[in-house]
C-alpha cells in the first residue's frame, strides 16, 4: 500500500493536496 519513491523505497512524505474531494470506502457491502 505504501507509495514508492524513485529508488523503490516507501515514500512516507504524504500525498500532495488533491484537486478533487473524493471519499473512498473499501470492503464488503
ModelCIF file with pLDDT and N, C-alpha, C, O atoms, coordinates in Angstrom:
data_MODEL
#
_entry.id   MODEL 
#
_entity.id                         1 
_entity.type                       polymer 
_entity.pdbx_number_of_molecules   1 
#
_entity_poly.entity_id                      1 
_entity_poly.type                           'polypeptide(L)' 
_entity_poly.nstd_linkage                   no 
_entity_poly.nstd_monomer                   no 
_entity_poly.pdbx_seq_one_letter_code       
;(UNK)(UNK)(UNK)(UNK)(UNK)(UNK)(UNK)(UNK)(UNK)(UNK)(UNK)(UNK)(UNK)(UNK)(UNK)(UNK)
(UNK)(UNK)(UNK)(UNK)(UNK)(UNK)(UNK)(UNK)(UNK)(UNK)(UNK)(UNK)(UNK)
;
_entity_poly.pdbx_seq_one_letter_code_can   XXXXXXXXXXXXXXXXXXXXXXXXXXXXX 
_entity_poly.pdbx_strand_id                 A 
#
loop_
_entity_poly_seq.entity_id 
_entity_poly_seq.num 
_entity_poly_seq.mon_id 
_entity_poly_seq.hetero 
1 1  UNK n 
1 2  UNK n 
1 3  UNK n 
1 4  UNK n 
1 5  UNK n 
1 6  UNK n 
1 7  UNK n 
1 8  UNK n 
1 9  UNK n 
1 10 UNK n 
1 11 UNK n 
1 12 UNK n 
1 13 UNK n 
1 14 UNK n 
1 15 UNK n 
1 16 UNK n 
1 17 UNK n 
1 18 UNK n 
1 19 UNK n 
1 20 UNK n 
1 21 UNK n 
1 22 UNK n 
1 23 UNK n 
1 24 UNK n 
1 25 UNK n 
1 26 UNK n 
1 27 UNK n 
1 28 UNK n 
1 29 UNK n 
#
_struct_asym.id          A 
_struct_asym.entity_id   1 
#
loop_
_ma_qa_metric.id 
_ma_qa_metric.mode 
_ma_qa_metric.name 
_ma_qa_metric.software_group_id 
_ma_qa_metric.type 
1 global pLDDT . pLDDT 
2 local  pLDDT . pLDDT 
#
_ma_qa_metric_global.metric_id      1 
_ma_qa_metric_global.metric_value   88.52 
_ma_qa_metric_global.model_id       1 
_ma_qa_metric_global.ordinal_id     1 
#
loop_
_ma_qa_metric_local.label_asym_id 
_ma_qa_metric_local.label_comp_id 
_ma_qa_metric_local.label_seq_id 
_ma_qa_metric_local.metric_id 
_ma_qa_metric_local.metric_value 
_ma_qa_metric_local.model_id 
_ma_qa_metric_local.ordinal_id 
A UNK 1  2 94.00 1 1  
A UNK 2  2 91.00 1 2  
A UNK 3  2 83.00 1 3  
A UNK 4  2 79.00 1 4  
A UNK 5  2 75.00 1 5  
A UNK 6  2 73.00 1 6  
A UNK 7  2 73.00 1 7  
A UNK 8  2 75.00 1 8  
A UNK 9  2 78.00 1 9  
A UNK 10 2 80.00 1 10 
A UNK 11 2 81.00 1 11 
A UNK 12 2 85.00 1 12 
A UNK 13 2 84.00 1 13 
A UNK 14 2 88.00 1 14 
A UNK 15 2 93.00 1 15 
A UNK 16 2 93.00 1 16 
A UNK 17 2 96.00 1 17 
A UNK 18 2 96.00 1 18 
A UNK 19 2 94.00 1 19 
A UNK 20 2 95.00 1 20 
A UNK 21 2 98.00 1 21 
A UNK 22 2 98.00 1 22 
A UNK 23 2 98.00 1 23 
A UNK 24 2 98.00 1 24 
A UNK 25 2 98.00 1 25 
A UNK 26 2 96.00 1 26 
A UNK 27 2 92.00 1 27 
A UNK 28 2 89.00 1 28 
A UNK 29 2 94.00 1 29 
#
loop_
_atom_site.group_PDB 
_atom_site.id 
_atom_site.type_symbol 
_atom_site.label_atom_id 
_atom_site.label_alt_id 
_atom_site.label_comp_id 
_atom_site.label_asym_id 
_atom_site.label_entity_id 
_atom_site.label_seq_id 
_atom_site.pdbx_PDB_ins_code 
_atom_site.Cartn_x 
_atom_site.Cartn_y 
_atom_site.Cartn_z 
_atom_site.occupancy 
_atom_site.B_iso_or_equiv 
_atom_site.pdbx_formal_charge 
_atom_site.auth_seq_id 
_atom_site.auth_comp_id 
_atom_site.auth_asym_id 
_atom_site.auth_atom_id 
_atom_site.pdbx_PDB_model_num 
ATOM 1   N N  . UNK A 1 1  ? 0.795   -1.224 0.000  1.00 94.00 ? 1  UNK A N  1 
ATOM 2   C CA . UNK A 1 1  ? 0.000   0.000  0.000  1.00 94.00 ? 1  UNK A CA 1 
ATOM 3   C C  . UNK A 1 1  ? 0.833   1.282  0.000  1.00 94.00 ? 1  UNK A C  1 
ATOM 4   O O  . UNK A 1 1  ? 0.368   2.323  -0.465 1.00 94.00 ? 1  UNK A O  1 
ATOM 5   N N  . UNK A 1 2  ? 2.046   1.212  0.513  1.00 91.00 ? 2  UNK A N  1 
ATOM 6   C CA . UNK A 1 2  ? 2.884   2.412  0.512  1.00 91.00 ? 2  UNK A CA 1 
ATOM 7   C C  . UNK A 1 2  ? 3.209   2.842  -0.921 1.00 91.00 ? 2  UNK A C  1 
ATOM 8   O O  . UNK A 1 2  ? 3.473   2.013  -1.792 1.00 91.00 ? 2  UNK A O  1 
ATOM 9   N N  . UNK A 1 3  ? 3.181   4.141  -1.139 1.00 83.00 ? 3  UNK A N  1 
ATOM 10  C CA . UNK A 1 3  ? 3.687   4.678  -2.398 1.00 83.00 ? 3  UNK A CA 1 
ATOM 11  C C  . UNK A 1 3  ? 5.213   4.571  -2.380 1.00 83.00 ? 3  UNK A C  1 
ATOM 12  O O  . UNK A 1 3  ? 5.825   4.589  -1.311 1.00 83.00 ? 3  UNK A O  1 
ATOM 13  N N  . UNK A 1 4  ? 5.826   4.461  -3.558 1.00 79.00 ? 4  UNK A N  1 
ATOM 14  C CA . UNK A 1 4  ? 7.275   4.288  -3.651 1.00 79.00 ? 4  UNK A CA 1 
ATOM 15  C C  . UNK A 1 4  ? 7.933   5.536  -4.251 1.00 79.00 ? 4  UNK A C  1 
ATOM 16  O O  . UNK A 1 4  ? 7.368   6.208  -5.114 1.00 79.00 ? 4  UNK A O  1 
ATOM 17  N N  . UNK A 1 5  ? 9.172   5.826  -3.754 1.00 75.00 ? 5  UNK A N  1 
ATOM 18  C CA . UNK A 1 5  ? 9.927   6.924  -4.348 1.00 75.00 ? 5  UNK A CA 1 
ATOM 19  C C  . UNK A 1 5  ? 10.693  6.406  -5.569 1.00 75.00 ? 5  UNK A C  1 
ATOM 20  O O  . UNK A 1 5  ? 10.502  5.263  -5.985 1.00 75.00 ? 5  UNK A O  1 
ATOM 21  N N  . UNK A 1 6  ? 11.554  7.243  -6.138 1.00 73.00 ? 6  UNK A N  1 
ATOM 22  C CA . UNK A 1 6  ? 12.252  6.875  -7.368 1.00 73.00 ? 6  UNK A CA 1 
ATOM 23  C C  . UNK A 1 6  ? 13.166  5.670  -7.179 1.00 73.00 ? 6  UNK A C  1 
ATOM 24  O O  . UNK A 1 6  ? 13.449  4.955  -8.141 1.00 73.00 ? 6  UNK A O  1 
ATOM 25  N N  . UNK A 1 7  ? 13.633  5.434  -5.952 1.00 73.00 ? 7  UNK A N  1 
ATOM 26  C CA . UNK A 1 7  ? 14.515  4.311  -5.678 1.00 73.00 ? 7  UNK A CA 1 
ATOM 27  C C  . UNK A 1 7  ? 13.759  3.052  -5.243 1.00 73.00 ? 7  UNK A C  1 
ATOM 28  O O  . UNK A 1 7  ? 14.370  2.033  -4.919 1.00 73.00 ? 7  UNK A O  1 
ATOM 29  N N  . UNK A 1 8  ? 12.433  3.134  -5.241 1.00 75.00 ? 8  UNK A N  1 
ATOM 30  C CA . UNK A 1 8  ? 11.624  1.985  -4.858 1.00 75.00 ? 8  UNK A CA 1 
ATOM 31  C C  . UNK A 1 8  ? 11.402  1.842  -3.373 1.00 75.00 ? 8  UNK A C  1 
ATOM 32  O O  . UNK A 1 8  ? 10.839  0.842  -2.928 1.00 75.00 ? 8  UNK A O  1 
ATOM 33  N N  . UNK A 1 9  ? 11.836  2.827  -2.587 1.00 78.00 ? 9  UNK A N  1 
ATOM 34  C CA . UNK A 1 9  ? 11.631  2.795  -1.146 1.00 78.00 ? 9  UNK A CA 1 
ATOM 35  C C  . UNK A 1 9  ? 10.277  3.391  -0.779 1.00 78.00 ? 9  UNK A C  1 
ATOM 36  O O  . UNK A 1 9  ? 9.702   4.169  -1.541 1.00 78.00 ? 9  UNK A O  1 
ATOM 37  N N  . UNK A 1 10 ? 9.778   3.022  0.388  1.00 80.00 ? 10 UNK A N  1 
ATOM 38  C CA . UNK A 1 10 ? 8.487   3.552  0.831  1.00 80.00 ? 10 UNK A CA 1 
ATOM 39  C C  . UNK A 1 10 ? 8.569   5.072  0.978  1.00 80.00 ? 10 UNK A C  1 
ATOM 40  O O  . UNK A 1 10 ? 9.483   5.596  1.614  1.00 80.00 ? 10 UNK A O  1 
ATOM 41  N N  . UNK A 1 11 ? 7.615   5.762  0.389  1.00 81.00 ? 11 UNK A N  1 
ATOM 42  C CA . UNK A 1 11 ? 7.548   7.226  0.460  1.00 81.00 ? 11 UNK A CA 1 
ATOM 43  C C  . UNK A 1 11 ? 6.562   7.600  1.561  1.00 81.00 ? 11 UNK A C  1 
ATOM 44  O O  . UNK A 1 11 ? 5.351   7.462  1.390  1.00 81.00 ? 11 UNK A O  1 
ATOM 45  N N  . UNK A 1 12 ? 7.087   8.077  2.693  1.00 85.00 ? 12 UNK A N  1 
ATOM 46  C CA . UNK A 1 12 ? 6.242   8.401  3.841  1.00 85.00 ? 12 UNK A CA 1 
ATOM 47  C C  . UNK A 1 12 ? 6.012   9.903  3.971  1.00 85.00 ? 12 UNK A C  1 
ATOM 48  O O  . UNK A 1 12 ? 5.571   10.383 5.015  1.00 85.00 ? 12 UNK A O  1 
ATOM 49  N N  . UNK A 1 13 ? 6.311   10.637 2.909  1.00 84.00 ? 13 UNK A N  1 
ATOM 50  C CA . UNK A 1 13 ? 6.226   12.096 2.979  1.00 84.00 ? 13 UNK A CA 1 
ATOM 51  C C  . UNK A 1 13 ? 4.795   12.621 2.911  1.00 84.00 ? 13 UNK A C  1 
ATOM 52  O O  . UNK A 1 13 ? 4.554   13.792 3.203  1.00 84.00 ? 13 UNK A O  1 
ATOM 53  N N  . UNK A 1 14 ? 3.871   11.793 2.539  1.00 88.00 ? 14 UNK A N  1 
ATOM 54  C CA . UNK A 1 14 ? 2.482   12.240 2.451  1.00 88.00 ? 14 UNK A CA 1 
ATOM 55  C C  . UNK A 1 14 ? 2.081   12.625 1.044  1.00 88.00 ? 14 UNK A C  1 
ATOM 56  O O  . UNK A 1 14 ? 2.924   12.960 0.212  1.00 88.00 ? 14 UNK A O  1 
ATOM 57  N N  . UNK A 1 15 ? 0.806   12.576 0.790  1.00 93.00 ? 15 UNK A N  1 
ATOM 58  C CA . UNK A 1 15 ? 0.272   12.907 -0.534 1.00 93.00 ? 15 UNK A CA 1 
ATOM 59  C C  . UNK A 1 15 ? 0.231   14.410 -0.754 1.00 93.00 ? 15 UNK A C  1 
ATOM 60  O O  . UNK A 1 15 ? 0.195   15.203 0.187  1.00 93.00 ? 15 UNK A O  1 
ATOM 61  N N  . UNK A 1 16 ? 0.237   14.775 -2.041 1.00 93.00 ? 16 UNK A N  1 
ATOM 62  C CA . UNK A 1 16 ? 0.035   16.180 -2.396 1.00 93.00 ? 16 UNK A CA 1 
ATOM 63  C C  . UNK A 1 16 ? -1.432  16.544 -2.217 1.00 93.00 ? 16 UNK A C  1 
ATOM 64  O O  . UNK A 1 16 ? -2.305  15.677 -2.239 1.00 93.00 ? 16 UNK A O  1 
ATOM 65  N N  . UNK A 1 17 ? -1.690  17.822 -2.040 1.00 96.00 ? 17 UNK A N  1 
ATOM 66  C CA . UNK A 1 17 ? -3.071  18.292 -1.870 1.00 96.00 ? 17 UNK A CA 1 
ATOM 67  C C  . UNK A 1 17 ? -3.873  17.954 -3.123 1.00 96.00 ? 17 UNK A C  1 
ATOM 68  O O  . UNK A 1 17 ? -3.444  18.296 -4.225 1.00 96.00 ? 17 UNK A O  1 
ATOM 69  N N  . UNK A 1 18 ? -5.012  17.302 -2.991 1.00 96.00 ? 18 UNK A N  1 
ATOM 70  C CA . UNK A 1 18 ? -5.748  16.822 -4.169 1.00 96.00 ? 18 UNK A CA 1 
ATOM 71  C C  . UNK A 1 18 ? -6.566  17.925 -4.848 1.00 96.00 ? 18 UNK A C  1 
ATOM 72  O O  . UNK A 1 18 ? -6.970  18.905 -4.222 1.00 96.00 ? 18 UNK A O  1 
ATOM 73  N N  . UNK A 1 19 ? -6.794  17.731 -6.143 1.00 94.00 ? 19 UNK A N  1 
ATOM 74  C CA . UNK A 1 19 ? -7.659  18.642 -6.898 1.00 94.00 ? 19 UNK A CA 1 
ATOM 75  C C  . UNK A 1 19 ? -9.126  18.273 -6.719 1.00 94.00 ? 19 UNK A C  1 
ATOM 76  O O  . UNK A 1 19 ? -10.012 19.095 -6.952 1.00 94.00 ? 19 UNK A O  1 
ATOM 77  N N  . UNK A 1 20 ? -9.380  17.026 -6.300 1.00 95.00 ? 20 UNK A N  1 
ATOM 78  C CA . UNK A 1 20 ? -10.745 16.548 -6.110 1.00 95.00 ? 20 UNK A CA 1 
ATOM 79  C C  . UNK A 1 20 ? -11.046 16.419 -4.621 1.00 95.00 ? 20 UNK A C  1 
ATOM 80  O O  . UNK A 1 20 ? -10.169 16.606 -3.778 1.00 95.00 ? 20 UNK A O  1 
ATOM 81  N N  . UNK A 1 21 ? -12.306 16.094 -4.310 1.00 98.00 ? 21 UNK A N  1 
ATOM 82  C CA . UNK A 1 21 ? -12.703 15.761 -2.945 1.00 98.00 ? 21 UNK A CA 1 
ATOM 83  C C  . UNK A 1 21 ? -13.432 14.428 -3.010 1.00 98.00 ? 21 UNK A C  1 
ATOM 84  O O  . UNK A 1 21 ? -14.648 14.340 -2.846 1.00 98.00 ? 21 UNK A O  1 
ATOM 85  N N  . UNK A 1 22 ? -12.630 13.390 -3.258 1.00 98.00 ? 22 UNK A N  1 
ATOM 86  C CA . UNK A 1 22 ? -13.205 12.062 -3.469 1.00 98.00 ? 22 UNK A CA 1 
ATOM 87  C C  . UNK A 1 22 ? -13.013 11.219 -2.213 1.00 98.00 ? 22 UNK A C  1 
ATOM 88  O O  . UNK A 1 22 ? -11.890 10.953 -1.785 1.00 98.00 ? 22 UNK A O  1 
ATOM 89  N N  . UNK A 1 23 ? -14.131 10.811 -1.639 1.00 98.00 ? 23 UNK A N  1 
ATOM 90  C CA . UNK A 1 23 ? -14.115 9.934  -0.473 1.00 98.00 ? 23 UNK A CA 1 
ATOM 91  C C  . UNK A 1 23 ? -14.122 8.491  -0.957 1.00 98.00 ? 23 UNK A C  1 
ATOM 92  O O  . UNK A 1 23 ? -14.668 8.197  -2.021 1.00 98.00 ? 23 UNK A O  1 
ATOM 93  N N  . UNK A 1 24 ? -13.518 7.581  -0.183 1.00 98.00 ? 24 UNK A N  1 
ATOM 94  C CA . UNK A 1 24 ? -13.470 6.185  -0.601 1.00 98.00 ? 24 UNK A CA 1 
ATOM 95  C C  . UNK A 1 24 ? -13.740 5.274  0.596  1.00 98.00 ? 24 UNK A C  1 
ATOM 96  O O  . UNK A 1 24 ? -13.251 5.500  1.703  1.00 98.00 ? 24 UNK A O  1 
ATOM 97  N N  . UNK A 1 25 ? -14.533 4.243  0.336  1.00 98.00 ? 25 UNK A N  1 
ATOM 98  C CA . UNK A 1 25 ? -14.776 3.156  1.290  1.00 98.00 ? 25 UNK A CA 1 
ATOM 99  C C  . UNK A 1 25 ? -14.421 1.856  0.600  1.00 98.00 ? 25 UNK A C  1 
ATOM 100 O O  . UNK A 1 25 ? -14.767 1.656  -0.564 1.00 98.00 ? 25 UNK A O  1 
ATOM 101 N N  . UNK A 1 26 ? -13.729 0.961  1.312  1.00 96.00 ? 26 UNK A N  1 
ATOM 102 C CA . UNK A 1 26 ? -13.323 -0.323 0.744  1.00 96.00 ? 26 UNK A CA 1 
ATOM 103 C C  . UNK A 1 26 ? -13.803 -1.433 1.667  1.00 96.00 ? 26 UNK A C  1 
ATOM 104 O O  . UNK A 1 26 ? -13.606 -1.370 2.881  1.00 96.00 ? 26 UNK A O  1 
ATOM 105 N N  . UNK A 1 27 ? -14.437 -2.454 1.084  1.00 92.00 ? 27 UNK A N  1 
ATOM 106 C CA . UNK A 1 27 ? -14.845 -3.585 1.916  1.00 92.00 ? 27 UNK A CA 1 
ATOM 107 C C  . UNK A 1 27 ? -16.123 -4.242 1.443  1.00 92.00 ? 27 UNK A C  1 
ATOM 108 O O  . UNK A 1 27 ? -16.675 -3.904 0.396  1.00 92.00 ? 27 UNK A O  1 
ATOM 109 N N  . UNK A 1 28 ? -16.573 -5.181 2.237  1.00 89.00 ? 28 UNK A N  1 
ATOM 110 C CA . UNK A 1 28 ? -17.782 -5.939 1.932  1.00 89.00 ? 28 UNK A CA 1 
ATOM 111 C C  . UNK A 1 28 ? -19.014 -5.066 2.162  1.00 89.00 ? 28 UNK A C  1 
ATOM 112 O O  . UNK A 1 28 ? -19.118 -4.390 3.186  1.00 89.00 ? 28 UNK A O  1 
ATOM 113 N N  . UNK A 1 29 ? -19.929 -5.084 1.225  1.00 94.00 ? 29 UNK A N  1 
ATOM 114 C CA . UNK A 1 29 ? -21.133 -4.257 1.327  1.00 94.00 ? 29 UNK A CA 1 
ATOM 115 C C  . UNK A 1 29 ? -22.221 -5.053 2.059  1.00 94.00 ? 29 UNK A C  1 
ATOM 116 O O  . UNK A 1 29 ? -23.326 -4.549 2.258  1.00 94.00 ? 29 UNK A O  1 
#
